[in-house]
Amino acid sequence: MQNAQNIYYQAIAGLPSDEKLRLAAMILQDLTDENGMSEQTSALEFLENLPQEKIFNSAEEVDRHLKTERESWDS
């Protein structure tokens, strides 16, 4: 079975942006349907209900992580 990264690079990376957005919308709709969420669910509610652990606990932690990543690009 292929993982998401392989599928992305083999089938999706070369698509035009509008097709990538269409695919993303289809995937989000599929996830919404699987989780029994209505169309009225906010993006924040959707993300909070995903079956994954949160890596960051705050926006500040995300900012620190991104700053560290950006700084590593310069070295």
Protein backbone atom coordinates (compact mmCIF):
# COMPACT_ATOMS: atom_id res chain seq x y z
CA MET A 1 0.00 0.00 0.00
CA GLN A 2 1.29 3.43 -0.91
CA ASN A 3 1.63 6.15 1.68
CA ALA A 4 0.32 9.68 1.23
CA GLN A 5 3.72 11.15 0.38
CA ASN A 6 4.29 8.67 -2.45
CA ILE A 7 0.81 9.24 -3.82
CA TYR A 8 1.32 12.99 -3.67
CA TYR A 9 4.58 12.97 -5.59
CA GLN A 10 3.43 10.38 -8.14
CA ALA A 11 -0.05 11.66 -8.87
CA ILE A 12 -0.70 15.09 -7.39
CA ALA A 13 2.44 17.25 -7.33
CA GLY A 14 2.24 17.90 -11.07
CA LEU A 15 -1.40 18.97 -11.09
CA PRO A 16 -2.30 22.61 -11.65
CA SER A 17 -3.20 24.58 -8.50
CA ASP A 18 -6.93 24.62 -9.24
CA GLU A 19 -6.99 20.82 -9.49
CA LYS A 20 -5.04 20.50 -6.23
CA LEU A 21 -7.61 22.73 -4.52
CA ARG A 22 -10.45 20.68 -5.98
CA LEU A 23 -8.81 17.50 -4.68
CA ALA A 24 -8.26 19.04 -1.24
CA ALA A 25 -11.93 20.03 -1.10
CA MET A 26 -12.95 16.49 -2.06
CA ILE A 27 -10.74 14.99 0.65
CA LEU A 28 -12.07 17.40 3.29
CA GLN A 29 -15.65 16.64 2.26
CA ASP A 30 -14.93 12.91 2.51
CA LEU A 31 -13.45 13.34 5.99
CA THR A 32 -16.42 15.46 7.02
CA ASP A 33 -18.82 12.77 5.84
CA GLU A 34 -16.87 10.01 7.60
CA ASN A 35 -16.91 11.89 10.90
CA GLY A 36 -20.61 12.67 10.64
CA MET A 37 -20.00 16.40 10.63
CA SER A 38 -22.48 18.73 9.05
CA GLU A 39 -21.62 21.34 6.46
CA GLN A 40 -22.01 23.94 9.22
CA THR A 41 -18.93 22.69 11.06
CA SER A 42 -16.28 25.39 11.27
CA ALA A 43 -12.74 24.72 10.12
CA LEU A 44 -11.56 24.99 13.72
CA GLU A 45 -14.12 22.42 14.89
CA PHE A 46 -13.11 20.15 12.04
CA LEU A 47 -9.42 20.35 12.95
CA GLU A 48 -10.15 19.81 16.64
CA ASN A 49 -12.07 16.62 15.81
CA LEU A 50 -9.38 15.04 13.67
CA PRO A 51 -8.13 11.75 15.16
CA GLN A 52 -4.56 12.95 15.62
CA GLU A 53 -2.45 14.20 18.44
CA LYS A 54 -1.74 17.90 18.43
CA ILE A 55 1.91 18.70 17.91
CA PHE A 56 1.63 22.28 19.14
CA ASN A 57 -0.44 23.59 22.00
CA SER A 58 -0.50 27.24 20.95
CA ALA A 59 0.07 29.61 18.08
CA GLU A 60 3.21 30.81 19.83
CA GLU A 61 4.68 27.30 19.70
CA VAL A 62 3.93 27.13 15.98
CA ASP A 63 5.59 30.52 15.44
CA ARG A 64 8.71 29.42 17.34
CA HIS A 65 8.91 26.21 15.33
CA LEU A 66 8.50 28.02 12.01
CA LYS A 67 11.10 30.62 12.99
CA THR A 68 13.58 27.86 13.83
CA GLU A 69 12.87 26.15 10.51
CA ARG A 70 13.34 29.37 8.55
CA GLU A 71 16.60 30.10 10.34
CA SER A 72 17.88 26.62 9.48
CA TRP A 73 17.36 27.36 5.77
CA ASP A 74 19.86 30.22 5.97
CA SER A 75 22.66 28.11 7.39
